[in-house]
Amino acid sequence: MHTSDHKSIKYSILDLAPVTEGSEASDSFRRTLELAQLAEELGYHRYWLAEHHNMPGVSSSATSLVIGHVAGGTSRIRVGSGGIMLPNHAPLAIAEQFGTLESLYPGRIDLGLGRAPGSDQPASRALRRGLTAGGQDFPELLSELRGYFDPSLGTAAPGVRAVPGEGLDIPIWLLGSSGFSAELAGQLGLPFSFASHFAPDYLLPALSLYRSSFKPSRHLDKPYAMVAINIVAADTERTAEWLATSQQLQFLNIIRGRTGKLQPPVDSMDGLLSPQEQAALSNTLRYSIVGTKEMIKQRLPEIQQATGADEFIISSQIFDHEARLNSFRLAAEAWSELQLSR
C-alpha cells in the first residue's frame, strides 16, 4: 500500500482530440482549445495530446502542431505530448520541434515519449519508411534525442546540432503500457506515466519495476509516477453511465479492429456485444470512474492508495462537448474537495 498526501498530488488531462460523428478535425481543434482554457482556469497541471495515425476519430496526428495551438491559446498550464511515438520520427526532427515549442512557450512544454507505433501496420510503414519497426531501437533513439538537448551526453549524431533545442531543459517523460519503458525510465532517472486508461493489467508490476530500478538523476531525485485513468462525470449517475457508452463503443471498435469517429451515447449496451467482449471491455476500463462527483471522491483515493501515484492524468471520451467540459469541471471540484477534507 502507498499513501501520499492529496495536497501534493497533481491532476492533468490527456486529450485524444476526438473527432465526433458529424464533425470535422477543425471542430475538434476548437473544442480542444476550449477544454485546455477551462483546464487552466480549474487548476489542472498539464494538458497532453497523443500521437495516433490513420484513426478517423483522433485528430492529434501532427501532435507538435496541436501542442503549439493549445500553448498559444493558454498562458500557464503545461502542454505536452502523451506521447510522441519516437520510432515514427527522426530524433533530430523531434528535438527541433520541441526546441521550437519550448522557445515559443518557455517553461511550459513536456516531451512524453512512447515506443508503440500509435497506428496500424500500413500507417507505420507509410510513416517510418527506412526506420526500423517494432520499437526495439527505442533506447538508441531516446539516447540520440537527449543528446541534441544536452551535447555533454555525447549521444547526438556527430557534427549535428538541434537549433532550436540544444541547451534547453525540456522535461522528458517515458510512457508505457508494459515493463519496458518503466524499467528504462527508472534507470535513466526520468518521470514515468502508465497507460492504465486502456492497459490496466500491467499497471502495478510496471510501477513496482519503475520504482525498484530508479536511479536518481539531475532530473529527479526520486521516482515520479503518473497514472492515466478515465473519468466520465455528470450530475447524476445515470447520465454519467449514458455518456460513458461513447467510450465503450470506441473501445469495442478497437477490440473488433475497426476505427471510426466518436459515436453518440446509446441508451443501453445490451445486445451490442458478446459476453467475451463485455469481459474484455470491463477489464480494459477497470481504471475508470463513471458517476457523480461523490463517486470520484470515493474512488480516487482508493486508486491512489493502490498505486502510490504522484499525479493522475485523466482521459474523457465524451461525445457532447458541453458534457465533456462539465465532466472535467466536476473532477476538478472533487479534487479540491478531497484536498480540503484532508
Protein backbone atom coordinates (compact mmCIF):
# COMPACT_ATOMS: atom_id res chain seq x y z
CA MET A 1 0.00 0.00 0.00
CA HIS A 2 1.14 3.51 -0.74
CA THR A 3 -0.08 6.71 0.76
CA SER A 4 0.59 10.21 -0.35
CA ASP A 5 -0.99 13.46 0.70
CA HIS A 6 -3.72 14.62 -1.72
CA LYS A 7 -2.34 18.14 -1.40
CA SER A 8 0.81 17.13 -3.23
CA ILE A 9 -0.90 15.07 -5.93
CA LYS A 10 -1.37 16.91 -9.20
CA TYR A 11 -4.09 16.25 -11.74
CA SER A 12 -3.79 16.67 -15.50
CA ILE A 13 -5.62 15.98 -18.78
CA LEU A 14 -4.88 13.59 -21.62
CA ASP A 15 -6.79 14.75 -24.70
CA LEU A 16 -7.16 12.45 -27.70
CA ALA A 17 -8.63 15.41 -29.63
CA PRO A 18 -11.70 13.34 -30.52
CA VAL A 19 -13.48 13.87 -33.82
CA THR A 20 -17.14 13.16 -33.08
CA GLU A 21 -19.64 11.69 -35.56
CA GLY A 22 -20.96 14.57 -37.70
CA SER A 23 -17.97 16.87 -37.05
CA GLU A 24 -14.55 17.52 -38.59
CA ALA A 25 -10.97 17.88 -37.32
CA SER A 26 -11.35 21.69 -37.34
CA ASP A 27 -14.20 21.38 -34.80
CA SER A 28 -12.06 19.07 -32.72
CA PHE A 29 -9.20 21.60 -32.54
CA ARG A 30 -11.58 24.38 -31.46
CA ARG A 31 -13.01 22.14 -28.71
CA THR A 32 -9.53 21.07 -27.59
CA LEU A 33 -8.51 24.70 -27.06
CA GLU A 34 -11.74 25.44 -25.14
CA LEU A 35 -11.08 22.45 -22.88
CA ALA A 36 -7.46 23.50 -22.33
CA GLN A 37 -8.52 27.05 -21.40
CA LEU A 38 -11.06 25.65 -18.92
CA ALA A 39 -8.42 23.24 -17.55
CA GLU A 40 -6.08 26.15 -16.91
CA GLU A 41 -8.86 28.01 -15.08
CA LEU A 42 -9.70 24.93 -12.98
CA GLY A 43 -6.11 24.33 -11.86
CA TYR A 44 -5.18 21.27 -13.92
CA HIS A 45 -1.40 20.94 -14.01
CA ARG A 46 -0.69 19.81 -17.57
CA TYR A 47 -2.53 19.16 -20.82
CA TRP A 48 -1.19 16.39 -23.01
CA LEU A 49 -2.07 15.32 -26.55
CA ALA A 50 -1.42 11.90 -28.04
CA GLU A 51 0.00 10.86 -31.40
CA HIS A 52 -2.27 8.47 -33.30
CA HIS A 53 -2.40 7.85 -37.05
CA ASN A 54 -4.93 6.53 -39.53
CA MET A 55 -7.74 6.93 -36.99
CA PRO A 56 -10.76 8.97 -38.15
CA GLY A 57 -11.75 9.67 -34.54
CA VAL A 58 -8.43 11.18 -33.37
CA SER A 59 -7.20 14.47 -34.85
CA SER A 60 -3.88 14.93 -32.99
CA SER A 61 -1.71 13.06 -35.52
CA ALA A 62 0.54 16.12 -36.04
CA THR A 63 0.98 16.29 -32.28
CA SER A 64 3.58 19.09 -32.11
CA LEU A 65 1.33 21.40 -34.12
CA VAL A 66 -1.67 20.82 -31.83
CA ILE A 67 0.56 21.39 -28.77
CA GLY A 68 1.53 24.76 -30.29
CA HIS A 69 -2.16 25.58 -30.88
CA VAL A 70 -3.00 24.81 -27.21
CA ALA A 71 0.07 26.51 -25.73
CA GLY A 72 -0.61 29.62 -27.84
CA GLY A 73 -4.17 29.87 -26.52
CA THR A 74 -3.28 29.40 -22.84
CA SER A 75 -0.79 31.11 -20.55
CA ARG A 76 0.16 28.95 -17.53
CA ILE A 77 -0.78 25.30 -17.94
CA ARG A 78 1.99 22.92 -19.05
CA VAL A 79 1.36 21.49 -22.51
CA GLY A 80 2.96 18.42 -23.99
CA SER A 81 2.78 15.05 -25.66
CA GLY A 82 1.26 11.96 -24.15
CA GLY A 83 3.06 10.90 -26.21
CA ILE A 84 5.19 11.31 -29.28
CA MET A 85 5.81 7.81 -30.69
CA LEU A 86 9.55 8.20 -31.13
CA PRO A 87 10.15 5.24 -33.51
CA ASN A 88 7.97 7.07 -36.06
CA HIS A 89 10.38 10.02 -36.23
CA ALA A 90 13.97 11.05 -36.70
CA PRO A 91 15.13 12.17 -33.21
CA LEU A 92 16.60 15.38 -34.70
CA ALA A 93 13.16 16.41 -36.03
CA ILE A 94 11.56 15.92 -32.59
CA ALA A 95 14.40 17.84 -30.90
CA GLU A 96 13.84 20.74 -33.30
CA GLN A 97 10.03 20.67 -32.94
CA PHE A 98 10.12 20.63 -29.15
CA GLY A 99 13.03 23.06 -29.09
CA THR A 100 10.81 25.39 -31.11
CA LEU A 101 7.83 24.88 -28.78
CA GLU A 102 9.97 25.47 -25.66
CA SER A 103 11.47 28.62 -27.25
CA LEU A 104 7.98 29.95 -28.02
CA TYR A 105 6.43 28.91 -24.66
CA PRO A 106 9.33 28.78 -22.17
CA GLY A 107 8.98 26.56 -19.13
CA ARG A 108 5.64 25.09 -20.22
CA ILE A 109 6.47 22.23 -22.59
CA ASP A 110 6.66 18.49 -21.75
CA LEU A 111 8.01 15.82 -24.07
CA GLY A 112 6.35 12.49 -23.30
CA LEU A 113 7.68 9.62 -25.42
CA GLY A 114 6.28 6.22 -26.31
CA ARG A 115 7.72 3.36 -28.29
CA ALA A 116 4.49 1.95 -29.77
CA PRO A 117 3.58 2.94 -33.34
CA GLY A 118 0.33 4.69 -32.38
CA SER A 119 -1.14 3.30 -35.57
CA ASP A 120 -1.78 0.18 -37.63
CA GLN A 121 0.85 -1.55 -39.76
CA PRO A 122 0.12 0.17 -43.09
CA ALA A 123 0.34 3.59 -41.38
CA SER A 124 3.54 2.54 -39.57
CA ARG A 125 5.12 1.58 -42.88
CA ALA A 126 3.97 4.84 -44.51
CA LEU A 127 5.43 6.87 -41.63
CA ARG A 128 8.65 5.04 -40.99
CA ARG A 129 9.97 4.33 -44.48
CA GLY A 130 13.52 3.25 -43.76
CA LEU A 131 13.18 3.43 -39.98
CA THR A 132 13.22 0.19 -38.02
CA ALA A 133 9.78 -1.01 -36.99
CA GLY A 134 8.90 -2.63 -33.69
CA GLY A 135 10.35 -0.18 -31.18
CA GLN A 136 13.43 -2.29 -30.33
CA ASP A 137 15.61 0.70 -31.22
CA PHE A 138 13.75 2.98 -28.80
CA PRO A 139 16.63 3.22 -26.27
CA GLU A 140 19.05 4.30 -29.05
CA LEU A 141 16.58 6.81 -30.48
CA LEU A 142 15.98 8.21 -26.98
CA SER A 143 19.71 8.48 -26.34
CA GLU A 144 20.23 10.37 -29.61
CA LEU A 145 17.29 12.70 -28.89
CA ARG A 146 18.57 13.52 -25.39
CA GLY A 147 21.99 14.24 -26.89
CA TYR A 148 20.55 17.03 -29.04
CA PHE A 149 19.22 18.82 -25.95
CA ASP A 150 22.33 18.10 -23.87
CA PRO A 151 25.52 17.89 -26.00
CA SER A 152 27.55 16.84 -22.92
CA LEU A 153 25.93 13.38 -23.22
CA GLY A 154 27.81 12.89 -26.48
CA THR A 155 24.97 10.85 -27.99
CA ALA A 156 23.77 13.14 -30.81
CA ALA A 157 24.69 12.33 -34.40
CA PRO A 158 28.29 13.53 -34.92
CA GLY A 159 28.50 17.10 -36.22
CA VAL A 160 24.74 17.71 -35.88
CA ARG A 161 23.10 20.28 -33.61
CA ALA A 162 19.42 20.89 -32.89
CA VAL A 163 18.64 24.58 -33.47
CA PRO A 164 16.45 25.40 -31.61
CA GLY A 165 16.70 22.66 -29.00
CA GLU A 166 20.29 22.50 -27.85
CA GLY A 167 20.73 23.60 -24.23
CA LEU A 168 17.00 23.69 -23.48
CA ASP A 169 15.77 21.86 -20.40
CA ILE A 170 12.57 20.19 -21.62
CA PRO A 171 11.27 17.52 -19.23
CA ILE A 172 11.33 14.13 -20.95
CA TRP A 173 8.82 11.53 -19.76
CA LEU A 174 8.64 7.89 -20.74
CA LEU A 175 5.17 6.48 -21.26
CA GLY A 176 4.30 2.84 -21.27
CA SER A 177 1.76 0.06 -21.04
CA SER A 178 4.34 -2.62 -20.14
CA GLY A 179 7.54 -3.01 -18.13
CA PHE A 180 9.98 -1.99 -20.88
CA SER A 181 9.63 1.80 -20.59
CA ALA A 182 9.08 1.53 -16.82
CA GLU A 183 12.50 -0.03 -16.32
CA LEU A 184 14.20 2.31 -18.80
CA ALA A 185 12.65 5.39 -17.13
CA GLY A 186 13.88 4.12 -13.75
CA GLN A 187 17.42 3.50 -14.99
CA LEU A 188 17.61 6.96 -16.58
CA GLY A 189 16.00 8.75 -13.61
CA LEU A 190 13.13 10.11 -15.71
CA PRO A 191 9.45 10.54 -14.79
CA PHE A 192 7.15 7.73 -15.92
CA SER A 193 3.49 7.66 -16.98
CA PHE A 194 1.49 4.45 -17.28
CA ALA A 195 -1.39 3.98 -19.75
CA SER A 196 -3.78 2.32 -17.32
CA HIS A 197 -6.72 4.05 -19.03
CA PHE A 198 -6.53 1.30 -21.69
CA ALA A 199 -3.93 -1.23 -20.44
CA PRO A 200 -4.66 -1.83 -16.75
CA ASP A 201 -3.23 -5.34 -16.38
CA TYR A 202 0.40 -4.36 -16.03
CA LEU A 203 -0.05 -1.13 -14.04
CA LEU A 204 1.10 -2.32 -10.60
CA PRO A 205 4.00 -4.52 -11.82
CA ALA A 206 5.24 -1.69 -14.08
CA LEU A 207 5.14 0.87 -11.25
CA SER A 208 6.97 -1.56 -8.99
CA LEU A 209 9.62 -2.16 -11.68
CA TYR A 210 9.98 1.60 -12.24
CA ARG A 211 10.49 2.32 -8.55
CA SER A 212 12.86 -0.61 -7.94
CA SER A 213 15.06 0.25 -10.95
CA PHE A 214 15.08 4.01 -10.24
CA LYS A 215 18.46 5.75 -10.13
CA PRO A 216 18.49 9.43 -9.12
CA SER A 217 19.46 11.81 -11.93
CA ARG A 218 19.80 15.56 -12.44
CA HIS A 219 16.12 15.49 -13.46
CA LEU A 220 14.67 13.67 -10.46
CA ASP A 221 15.97 12.63 -7.06
CA LYS A 222 13.15 10.13 -6.50
CA PRO A 223 10.64 8.29 -8.72
CA TYR A 224 7.71 10.29 -10.07
CA ALA A 225 4.81 8.25 -11.46
CA MET A 226 1.74 9.50 -13.28
CA VAL A 227 -1.23 7.16 -13.69
CA ALA A 228 -3.76 7.57 -16.52
CA ILE A 229 -7.42 6.97 -15.72
CA ASN A 230 -10.74 7.53 -17.46
CA ILE A 231 -13.29 9.76 -15.78
CA VAL A 232 -16.82 10.33 -17.06
CA ALA A 233 -18.62 12.52 -14.54
CA ALA A 234 -22.09 14.02 -14.59
CA ASP A 235 -24.62 15.44 -12.15
CA THR A 236 -26.36 12.06 -11.89
CA GLU A 237 -25.01 8.53 -12.03
CA ARG A 238 -27.46 7.63 -14.76
CA THR A 239 -26.32 10.48 -17.02
CA ALA A 240 -22.66 9.58 -16.48
CA GLU A 241 -23.33 5.94 -17.39
CA TRP A 242 -25.16 7.06 -20.52
CA LEU A 243 -22.32 9.43 -21.54
CA ALA A 244 -19.76 6.66 -20.92
CA THR A 245 -21.29 4.45 -23.63
CA SER A 246 -19.48 6.55 -26.30
CA GLN A 247 -16.16 5.50 -24.80
CA GLN A 248 -17.32 1.88 -24.50
CA LEU A 249 -18.36 1.83 -28.17
CA GLN A 250 -14.95 3.23 -29.12
CA PHE A 251 -13.11 0.51 -27.20
CA LEU A 252 -15.46 -2.11 -28.64
CA ASN A 253 -14.46 -0.97 -32.13
CA ILE A 254 -10.78 -1.26 -31.16
CA ILE A 255 -11.36 -4.80 -29.85
CA ARG A 256 -13.02 -5.59 -33.21
CA GLY A 257 -10.21 -3.98 -35.21
CA ARG A 258 -12.35 -1.12 -36.51
CA THR A 259 -11.85 2.62 -36.38
CA GLY A 260 -14.30 5.47 -36.69
CA LYS A 261 -15.39 8.77 -35.24
CA LEU A 262 -16.54 9.03 -31.62
CA GLN A 263 -20.19 7.93 -31.55
CA PRO A 264 -23.10 9.48 -29.65
CA PRO A 265 -24.15 7.68 -26.46
CA VAL A 266 -26.67 4.81 -26.58
CA ASP A 267 -29.39 4.06 -24.05
CA SER A 268 -28.08 0.55 -23.46
CA MET A 269 -25.08 -1.57 -24.46
CA ASP A 270 -27.26 -4.71 -24.14
CA GLY A 271 -27.18 -6.79 -27.30
CA LEU A 272 -24.33 -4.74 -28.78
CA LEU A 273 -21.56 -7.01 -27.55
CA SER A 274 -20.87 -10.66 -26.79
CA PRO A 275 -20.14 -11.89 -23.23
CA GLN A 276 -16.43 -12.21 -24.17
CA GLU A 277 -16.37 -8.63 -25.46
CA GLN A 278 -18.17 -7.47 -22.31
CA ALA A 279 -15.49 -9.15 -20.17
CA ALA A 280 -12.68 -7.64 -22.27
CA LEU A 281 -14.30 -4.20 -22.09
CA SER A 282 -14.84 -4.36 -18.31
CA ASN A 283 -11.21 -5.34 -17.81
CA THR A 284 -9.85 -2.66 -20.17
CA LEU A 285 -11.88 0.06 -18.45
CA ARG A 286 -11.36 -1.01 -14.86
CA TYR A 287 -9.39 2.15 -14.02
CA SER A 288 -12.38 4.24 -14.99
CA ILE A 289 -14.62 6.29 -12.77
CA VAL A 290 -18.11 6.75 -14.16
CA GLY A 291 -20.56 8.64 -11.98
CA THR A 292 -21.06 11.70 -9.82
CA LYS A 293 -18.57 13.93 -8.08
CA GLU A 294 -19.13 11.93 -4.89
CA MET A 295 -18.10 8.73 -6.67
CA ILE A 296 -14.88 10.36 -7.87
CA LYS A 297 -14.14 11.45 -4.28
CA GLN A 298 -14.61 7.88 -3.12
CA ARG A 299 -12.73 6.07 -5.91
CA LEU A 300 -9.72 8.35 -6.49
CA PRO A 301 -8.17 7.87 -3.04
CA GLU A 302 -8.56 4.09 -3.48
CA ILE A 303 -6.67 4.14 -6.78
CA GLN A 304 -4.09 6.48 -5.31
CA GLN A 305 -3.56 4.22 -2.33
CA ALA A 306 -3.19 1.14 -4.55
CA THR A 307 -0.74 2.79 -6.95
CA GLY A 308 1.06 5.50 -4.95
CA ALA A 309 0.55 7.80 -7.94
CA ASP A 310 2.22 11.21 -7.70
CA GLU A 311 -0.12 12.56 -10.36
CA PHE A 312 -3.23 11.47 -12.26
CA ILE A 313 -3.82 12.20 -15.92
CA ILE A 314 -7.46 11.99 -16.89
CA SER A 315 -8.87 10.91 -20.24
CA SER A 316 -12.50 11.55 -21.00
CA GLN A 317 -14.02 10.45 -24.31
CA ILE A 318 -17.41 12.16 -24.16
CA PHE A 319 -19.44 12.87 -27.31
CA ASP A 320 -21.14 16.12 -26.25
CA HIS A 321 -18.66 18.96 -25.80
CA GLU A 322 -20.58 20.73 -23.01
CA ALA A 323 -20.95 17.43 -21.14
CA ARG A 324 -17.21 16.84 -21.53
CA LEU A 325 -16.38 20.28 -20.12
CA ASN A 326 -18.76 19.61 -17.23
CA SER A 327 -17.10 16.24 -16.53
CA PHE A 328 -13.69 17.89 -16.15
CA ARG A 329 -15.28 20.63 -14.03
CA LEU A 330 -16.78 18.03 -11.66
CA ALA A 331 -13.47 16.13 -11.49
CA ALA A 332 -11.65 19.35 -10.52
CA GLU A 333 -14.27 20.11 -7.85
CA ALA A 334 -13.92 16.57 -6.46
CA TRP A 335 -10.17 17.09 -6.34
CA SER A 336 -10.29 20.35 -4.42
CA GLU A 337 -12.90 18.96 -2.01
CA LEU A 338 -10.69 15.93 -1.35
CA GLN A 339 -7.83 18.29 -0.58
CA LEU A 340 -9.94 20.41 1.75
CA SER A 341 -11.13 17.34 3.64
CA ARG A 342 -7.59 16.16 4.44
